[in-house]
Amino acid sequence: MQRARLSVVILTKNAQDSVKDCLESVKWADEIIIVDGYSTDSTVEICRKYTDKIVKSEFKGFANERNLGTDNSTGDWILQLDSDEVVTPGLREAISRILESPGPYTSYKFRRKNYFLGHPMRYGGWYHYSAHFFKKGSARYEGLVHERLRSEGGQGTIEAEVEHRPFNSISEFVSRQNRYTGYEARDMLAEKGVLSKRAVLGNLYLRPVKLFWKLYIKKQGFREGKHGFIFSIMYSFVHFLKWAKYWELTYGKKTA
């Protein structure tokens, strides 16, 4: 059986500090497609050293960006990455085996090893699976920020991982989450409409506390030391911020 071809789609925007490592980790692929959000730094110049398939796109949600990359690919299988992710040798080997001999699945999830301020997080709920490897024509993405892969057929599991370093400082994290929570609040309003005040207030008052307990205690974030404590606090605040912005869109201005 002839080996299936692999296309790698990478989303970029002002990623000059991270994209080279990402590209180096996938230069073995048959094709690399860049979906760039009109970067103003040297991101595109770096990418051109690895591929001439660069698609410019005004941001209309991560699902749209990923689907755009898929539509511009020619491979049999698609691997979707962010510019701050690196494919490990183990994941490369696992993907290569599937390309050589595809099994019964049309999509796969693999491990995502996240780094928090340079610290690899094994606990606290941040060592999870990422479903971004699929057979072309079998899946599409939905959602504005936290996009979901909707695939036909079964989904397999790969225990190998990508390494993900999403930010280099707390200031960078806060800036990014301030932007993302705005998208999420609008996305939630579009999908769910105006929820009851009780539901909104529950997510403002109670859910952040429960989320901290879940991340720090139940998922053992405390085992990561100070990194685990700060991580749990910050991600609980992200939930609060998203719902505060949703409240602002629905009830806040009416009662101001």
Foldseek 3Di string as FASTA:
>chain_A
DDFFAEEEEEEDAQLVPQQLQALVQCLVGPYYAYEYAPHPDCVVVSVVVRHPHYHYDNAPAPLVSVVVRLVPDDTQKYAYYYSQKHADPLNVVVVRVCRVPPDQAFWEKEWEFEAQLNHTDPFLPRTDIDTGMGGRPFWGWDDGYPIDIDGPGDYYYDHGYMYGYPDNDVVVVVVVLLVRLLRVLVRCCVVPNDDDPVVLVCQQPPVLVVQLCCRCPVRPLCVSPPSSNVVSNVVSVSSNSSSVSNCCVHPVVVVD
